Each structure stands twice: as structure tokens, then as C-alpha cells.
N, C-alpha and C. Protein backbone atom coordinates (compact mmCIF):
# COMPACT_ATOMS: atom_id res chain seq x y z
N MET A 1 -6.15 -24.46 -29.08
CA MET A 1 -6.99 -23.26 -27.68
C MET A 1 -6.48 -21.76 -27.83
N VAL A 2 -5.37 -21.58 -28.06
CA VAL A 2 -5.10 -20.04 -28.16
C VAL A 2 -5.80 -19.45 -29.37
N LEU A 3 -6.46 -19.74 -30.62
CA LEU A 3 -6.75 -19.56 -31.71
C LEU A 3 -8.50 -19.17 -31.40
N ALA A 4 -9.18 -20.12 -30.41
CA ALA A 4 -10.18 -20.09 -30.40
C ALA A 4 -10.65 -19.23 -29.38
N VAL A 5 -9.82 -18.95 -27.94
CA VAL A 5 -9.66 -18.32 -27.02
C VAL A 5 -9.55 -16.82 -27.75
N SER A 6 -8.40 -16.54 -28.70
CA SER A 6 -8.39 -14.77 -29.36
C SER A 6 -9.22 -14.64 -30.12
N LEU A 7 -10.30 -15.41 -30.28
CA LEU A 7 -11.88 -15.00 -31.52
C LEU A 7 -12.32 -13.79 -30.41
N PRO A 8 -13.07 -14.39 -29.55
CA PRO A 8 -13.42 -13.54 -28.55
C PRO A 8 -12.73 -12.51 -27.90
N LEU A 9 -11.55 -12.40 -27.49
CA LEU A 9 -11.04 -11.67 -27.16
C LEU A 9 -10.50 -10.29 -28.04
N THR A 10 -10.28 -10.87 -29.16
CA THR A 10 -9.82 -9.76 -30.34
C THR A 10 -11.41 -8.51 -30.71
N PHE A 11 -12.20 -9.23 -30.61
CA PHE A 11 -13.30 -8.68 -30.10
C PHE A 11 -13.47 -7.66 -29.22
N ILE A 12 -13.47 -7.79 -28.10
CA ILE A 12 -13.66 -7.22 -26.72
C ILE A 12 -12.79 -6.26 -26.67
N THR A 13 -11.06 -6.93 -27.15
CA THR A 13 -10.08 -5.70 -27.03
C THR A 13 -9.81 -4.21 -28.14
N ARG A 14 -10.92 -4.59 -29.19
CA ARG A 14 -11.16 -3.89 -30.65
C ARG A 14 -12.24 -2.69 -30.14
N LEU A 15 -12.89 -3.37 -29.27
CA LEU A 15 -14.25 -2.07 -29.12
C LEU A 15 -13.33 -1.26 -28.07
N VAL A 16 -12.85 -1.97 -26.99
CA VAL A 16 -12.38 -1.22 -25.75
C VAL A 16 -11.04 -0.22 -26.52
N ALA A 17 -10.58 -0.41 -27.11
CA ALA A 17 -9.63 0.47 -28.10
C ALA A 17 -10.28 1.57 -29.27
N MET A 18 -11.44 1.16 -29.46
CA MET A 18 -12.12 1.93 -30.50
C MET A 18 -12.77 2.94 -29.47
N ALA A 19 -13.05 3.09 -28.43
CA ALA A 19 -13.91 3.42 -27.50
C ALA A 19 -12.91 3.96 -26.91
N PHE A 20 -11.56 4.87 -27.20
CA PHE A 20 -10.58 5.58 -26.25
C PHE A 20 -9.88 5.51 -27.71
N TRP A 21 -9.92 4.81 -28.88
CA TRP A 21 -8.73 5.93 -30.06
C TRP A 21 -10.42 5.69 -31.30
N PRO A 22 -11.13 6.45 -31.75
CA PRO A 22 -11.85 5.75 -32.32
C PRO A 22 -11.33 5.88 -34.26
N ALA A 23 -10.28 6.37 -34.52
CA ALA A 23 -9.41 6.27 -35.87
C ALA A 23 -8.98 5.33 -35.98
N ILE A 24 -8.66 4.67 -34.64
CA ILE A 24 -7.72 3.18 -34.74
C ILE A 24 -8.84 2.25 -35.61
N GLY A 25 -9.88 2.13 -36.04
CA GLY A 25 -10.93 1.07 -36.51
C GLY A 25 -10.72 1.07 -37.90
N GLY A 26 -10.62 2.11 -38.88
CA GLY A 26 -9.46 2.82 -39.96
C GLY A 26 -8.67 1.94 -40.31
N ARG A 27 -7.93 1.94 -39.50
CA ARG A 27 -6.29 1.73 -39.96
C ARG A 27 -5.91 0.32 -39.58
N VAL A 28 -6.59 -0.10 -39.01
CA VAL A 28 -6.53 -1.61 -38.42
C VAL A 28 -7.64 -2.60 -38.54
N THR A 29 -7.06 -3.90 -39.52
CA THR A 29 -8.46 -4.11 -39.77
C THR A 29 -8.40 -5.37 -38.62
N VAL A 30 -10.15 -6.04 -38.56
CA VAL A 30 -10.04 -6.66 -37.70
C VAL A 30 -9.16 -8.06 -37.85
N VAL A 31 -8.93 -8.62 -39.44
CA VAL A 31 -7.86 -10.14 -39.39
C VAL A 31 -6.62 -9.62 -38.63
N ASP A 32 -6.18 -8.47 -38.85
CA ASP A 32 -4.75 -8.07 -38.10
C ASP A 32 -4.71 -7.83 -36.53
N TRP A 33 -5.90 -7.47 -36.12
CA TRP A 33 -6.33 -7.27 -34.83
C TRP A 33 -6.22 -8.56 -33.99
N TYR A 34 -7.22 -9.40 -35.22
CA TYR A 34 -6.87 -10.74 -34.88
C TYR A 34 -5.74 -11.66 -34.39
N GLY A 35 -4.66 -11.38 -35.41
CA GLY A 35 -3.46 -12.20 -35.56
C GLY A 35 -2.51 -11.21 -34.36
N GLN A 36 -2.90 -10.14 -34.16
CA GLN A 36 -2.13 -9.26 -33.04
C GLN A 36 -2.54 -10.58 -31.81
N THR A 37 -3.79 -10.68 -31.38
CA THR A 37 -4.32 -11.08 -30.05
C THR A 37 -3.35 -12.40 -30.28
N VAL A 38 -3.53 -12.97 -31.40
CA VAL A 38 -3.43 -14.81 -31.47
C VAL A 38 -1.52 -14.78 -30.48
N LEU A 39 -1.26 -13.53 -31.15
CA LEU A 39 1.09 -13.60 -31.19
C LEU A 39 1.12 -12.98 -29.63
N VAL A 40 -0.32 -12.66 -28.85
CA VAL A 40 0.34 -11.86 -27.66
C VAL A 40 -0.33 -13.37 -27.01
N SER A 41 -1.15 -13.82 -27.27
CA SER A 41 -1.93 -14.85 -26.24
C SER A 41 -1.06 -16.19 -26.34
N LEU A 42 -0.29 -16.03 -27.22
CA LEU A 42 1.14 -17.73 -27.46
C LEU A 42 2.01 -17.38 -26.95
N ALA A 43 2.23 -15.69 -26.53
CA ALA A 43 4.05 -15.97 -25.66
C ALA A 43 3.44 -16.06 -24.30
N TYR A 44 1.83 -15.52 -23.83
CA TYR A 44 1.60 -15.55 -22.77
C TYR A 44 1.50 -16.69 -22.16
N VAL A 45 0.97 -17.50 -23.08
CA VAL A 45 0.67 -19.20 -23.17
C VAL A 45 2.21 -19.64 -22.88
N CYS A 46 2.88 -19.48 -23.70
CA CYS A 46 4.73 -20.19 -23.53
C CYS A 46 5.63 -19.92 -22.84
N LEU A 47 5.20 -18.25 -21.76
CA LEU A 47 5.83 -18.67 -20.71
C LEU A 47 5.34 -19.04 -19.33
N TYR A 48 4.17 -19.41 -19.64
CA TYR A 48 3.50 -20.09 -18.42
C TYR A 48 3.89 -21.77 -18.44
N ALA A 49 3.77 -22.26 -19.72
CA ALA A 49 4.44 -23.56 -19.78
C ALA A 49 6.19 -23.60 -19.36
N ILE A 50 6.79 -22.90 -19.78
CA ILE A 50 8.18 -22.83 -20.21
C ILE A 50 8.49 -22.26 -18.83
N LEU A 51 8.21 -21.58 -17.88
CA LEU A 51 8.86 -21.04 -16.42
C LEU A 51 7.52 -21.86 -15.22
N PRO A 52 7.71 -22.64 -15.04
CA PRO A 52 6.84 -22.99 -14.08
C PRO A 52 7.64 -22.80 -12.98
N GLU A 53 8.96 -22.97 -12.56
CA GLU A 53 9.09 -22.15 -11.63
C GLU A 53 8.98 -21.00 -10.50
N VAL A 54 8.50 -20.25 -11.89
CA VAL A 54 8.64 -19.05 -11.38
C VAL A 54 7.08 -18.65 -10.34
N ARG A 55 6.27 -19.64 -10.51
CA ARG A 55 5.21 -19.42 -9.92
C ARG A 55 5.56 -19.25 -8.11
N ILE A 56 4.25 -19.32 -7.47
CA ILE A 56 4.94 -19.04 -6.17
C ILE A 56 4.43 -20.02 -5.64
N ALA A 57 5.66 -20.04 -4.56
CA ALA A 57 5.42 -21.76 -4.08
C ALA A 57 4.61 -21.30 -2.44
N PRO A 58 3.89 -22.03 -1.86
CA PRO A 58 3.39 -21.89 -0.69
C PRO A 58 4.08 -21.65 0.37
N ARG A 59 3.61 -20.46 1.81
CA ARG A 59 4.95 -20.22 2.41
C ARG A 59 4.71 -21.38 3.31
N THR A 60 5.70 -21.97 4.12
CA THR A 60 6.28 -22.63 5.43
C THR A 60 6.18 -22.29 6.21
N ALA A 61 5.43 -22.73 7.16
CA ALA A 61 5.92 -22.28 8.99
C ALA A 61 7.42 -22.68 9.20
N ARG A 62 7.84 -21.51 9.58
CA ARG A 62 9.63 -21.32 10.54
C ARG A 62 9.78 -22.20 12.07
N PRO A 63 10.27 -22.97 11.17
CA PRO A 63 10.99 -23.67 12.88
C PRO A 63 10.49 -23.50 13.92
N PRO A 64 10.05 -23.71 15.12
CA PRO A 64 10.37 -22.71 16.19
C PRO A 64 12.32 -22.77 16.36
N VAL A 65 12.48 -21.65 17.89
CA VAL A 65 13.92 -21.58 17.63
C VAL A 65 14.28 -22.87 19.18
N ALA A 66 13.40 -22.15 19.68
CA ALA A 66 14.00 -23.00 21.23
C ALA A 66 12.95 -23.88 21.57
N THR A 67 13.57 -25.36 22.07
CA THR A 67 12.59 -26.51 22.17
C THR A 67 12.33 -26.79 23.44
N ASP A 68 13.18 -26.04 24.77
CA ASP A 68 13.13 -26.47 25.89
C ASP A 68 13.33 -24.51 26.56
N GLY A 69 12.76 -24.60 27.75
CA GLY A 69 12.72 -23.07 28.58
C GLY A 69 11.02 -22.93 28.51
N PRO A 70 11.13 -21.38 28.05
CA PRO A 70 9.57 -20.62 28.60
C PRO A 70 8.97 -20.89 27.00
N GLU A 71 7.80 -20.34 26.93
CA GLU A 71 7.15 -21.15 25.48
C GLU A 71 7.66 -19.69 24.55
N ILE A 72 6.82 -18.53 25.10
CA ILE A 72 7.35 -17.78 24.63
C ILE A 72 8.51 -17.46 24.09
N LEU A 73 9.87 -18.18 24.02
CA LEU A 73 11.29 -17.85 23.73
C LEU A 73 11.09 -18.65 21.64
N ARG A 74 9.93 -19.18 21.81
CA ARG A 74 9.62 -20.25 20.84
C ARG A 74 9.31 -19.27 19.73
N HIS A 75 8.50 -18.08 20.27
CA HIS A 75 8.05 -17.08 18.85
C HIS A 75 9.01 -16.23 18.64
N LEU A 76 9.98 -16.81 19.06
CA LEU A 76 11.08 -15.26 18.73
C LEU A 76 11.89 -15.92 16.91
N PRO A 77 12.69 -15.33 15.94
CA PRO A 77 13.27 -16.04 15.19
C PRO A 77 14.63 -15.93 15.19
N PRO A 78 15.09 -17.06 14.85
CA PRO A 78 16.92 -17.39 14.65
C PRO A 78 17.66 -16.04 15.07
N ARG A 79 17.27 -15.05 13.73
CA ARG A 79 18.03 -13.90 13.62
C ARG A 79 17.71 -12.81 15.16
N LEU A 80 17.15 -13.27 15.83
CA LEU A 80 17.13 -12.02 17.13
C LEU A 80 17.83 -12.68 18.15
N GLY A 81 18.22 -14.62 18.52
CA GLY A 81 18.99 -14.83 19.18
C GLY A 81 17.93 -15.55 20.19
N SER A 82 18.23 -15.84 21.73
CA SER A 82 17.15 -15.97 22.87
C SER A 82 17.04 -15.41 24.05
N ASP A 83 17.99 -14.11 23.93
CA ASP A 83 18.25 -13.17 25.24
C ASP A 83 16.75 -12.42 25.10
N LEU A 84 15.56 -12.48 25.86
CA LEU A 84 14.78 -11.59 26.00
C LEU A 84 15.22 -10.31 26.57
N LEU A 85 14.54 -8.91 26.50
CA LEU A 85 14.95 -8.15 27.00
C LEU A 85 13.83 -7.82 28.00
N CYS A 86 12.65 -7.17 26.89
CA CYS A 86 11.44 -6.91 27.54
C CYS A 86 10.42 -7.36 26.34
N LEU A 87 8.99 -7.00 27.16
CA LEU A 87 7.69 -7.12 26.13
C LEU A 87 7.21 -6.30 26.48
N SER A 88 6.07 -5.64 25.05
CA SER A 88 5.52 -4.58 24.96
C SER A 88 4.43 -5.31 24.37
N MET A 89 3.18 -4.44 25.13
CA MET A 89 1.94 -4.90 25.13
C MET A 89 1.29 -3.62 23.29
N GLU A 90 0.69 -4.34 22.44
CA GLU A 90 0.50 -3.57 21.41
C GLU A 90 -0.83 -3.74 21.30
N ASP A 91 -2.27 -3.62 21.35
CA ASP A 91 -3.67 -4.13 21.12
C ASP A 91 -3.28 -5.43 21.38
N HIS A 92 -3.60 -6.51 20.46
CA HIS A 92 -4.03 -8.05 20.51
C HIS A 92 -2.44 -8.43 20.22
N TYR A 93 -1.62 -7.82 20.50
CA TYR A 93 -0.02 -8.53 19.75
C TYR A 93 1.06 -7.94 21.37
N VAL A 94 1.78 -9.16 21.33
CA VAL A 94 3.45 -8.81 21.97
C VAL A 94 4.29 -8.33 21.28
N ARG A 95 4.62 -6.94 21.35
CA ARG A 95 6.39 -6.93 21.24
C ARG A 95 7.30 -7.57 21.79
N LEU A 96 8.28 -8.53 21.70
CA LEU A 96 9.50 -9.19 22.27
C LEU A 96 10.41 -8.39 21.53
N HIS A 97 11.23 -7.67 22.79
CA HIS A 97 12.14 -7.28 22.39
C HIS A 97 13.97 -7.64 22.56
N THR A 98 14.80 -7.85 21.76
CA THR A 98 16.00 -8.51 21.90
C THR A 98 17.33 -7.39 21.72
N GLN A 99 18.27 -7.76 21.60
CA GLN A 99 18.96 -6.43 21.76
C GLN A 99 19.88 -6.55 20.13
N GLN A 100 18.88 -7.26 19.47
CA GLN A 100 19.36 -7.78 17.73
C GLN A 100 17.96 -7.30 17.45
N GLY A 101 16.93 -6.79 17.78
CA GLY A 101 15.80 -6.29 17.29
C GLY A 101 14.32 -6.78 18.06
N SER A 102 13.21 -6.47 17.14
CA SER A 102 12.55 -6.54 18.40
C SER A 102 11.58 -7.66 17.46
N VAL A 103 10.51 -8.37 17.76
CA VAL A 103 9.57 -8.91 16.73
C VAL A 103 7.93 -9.00 17.43
N LEU A 104 6.99 -8.53 16.40
CA LEU A 104 5.40 -8.60 17.05
C LEU A 104 4.76 -9.97 16.84
N VAL A 105 4.41 -10.62 18.04
CA VAL A 105 3.69 -11.88 17.72
C VAL A 105 2.59 -11.79 18.54
N LEU A 106 1.18 -12.67 17.50
CA LEU A 106 -0.30 -12.29 17.43
C LEU A 106 -0.56 -13.15 19.15
N MET A 107 -0.92 -12.59 20.66
CA MET A 107 -0.32 -13.59 21.54
C MET A 107 -1.48 -12.61 22.43
N SER A 108 -1.50 -13.02 23.37
CA SER A 108 -1.97 -12.31 24.75
C SER A 108 -0.55 -11.38 25.73
N LEU A 109 -0.75 -11.24 26.85
CA LEU A 109 0.34 -10.79 27.50
C LEU A 109 -0.07 -11.07 28.37
N GLY A 110 -0.67 -11.47 28.94
CA GLY A 110 -0.95 -12.80 29.81
C GLY A 110 -0.43 -14.37 30.08
């Protein structure tokens, strides 16, 4: 598959390179260019096959901290604790302030 995909890629990259560096056409043959394209493509395919754990995992929602009490405390992350000092309105968001910091939550102040 790498050999087949590298063929059109060879001509595309060679045309682009010759547009920027016209002298390169006489120094590197099409066969050499194809060989380099195959090697680079093969390296990418091998890395993709060998390192599957590097792929980005989907984000998971954080579990709410407080299960009892006011619903607004469920929006506080654990690092900020549960002692709410004040609320401030910022457009369509509410900023929840504690002694450890603050967090911006998409919700109405009402």
C-alpha cells in the first residue's frame, strides 16, 4: 500500500519542490525521489502502527463533587473545595469563587 500511495505523492512533492528550487530537478532523479518518498511514508506508517497508545483519547466528564446540598456546588471541581465565597456574572457565564481559586461555568445567574 505504501508503494502505491507513494507514486502520486512523489510527483506532487517533486513539482512543489521544483517550483521553489528549480535546480533540484537536475540533481535528484525521479527514481531517487520515489525512494525517499517511500522511506518517509513507511516511517510514518510504522510509527502509526507501533504507537497506538499515543492517539488522543476522548475526554470524559468529571464526576460531580457534591451529591447533596445546592446544585451549584456540583459545578465546583474538587481542587477548589466546596466553600463558596461569592458568584460573579460574566456574559452567559457565572464565575464561582472559593478561597482556593475560581471556575467559570456556563449557566445563568438565576
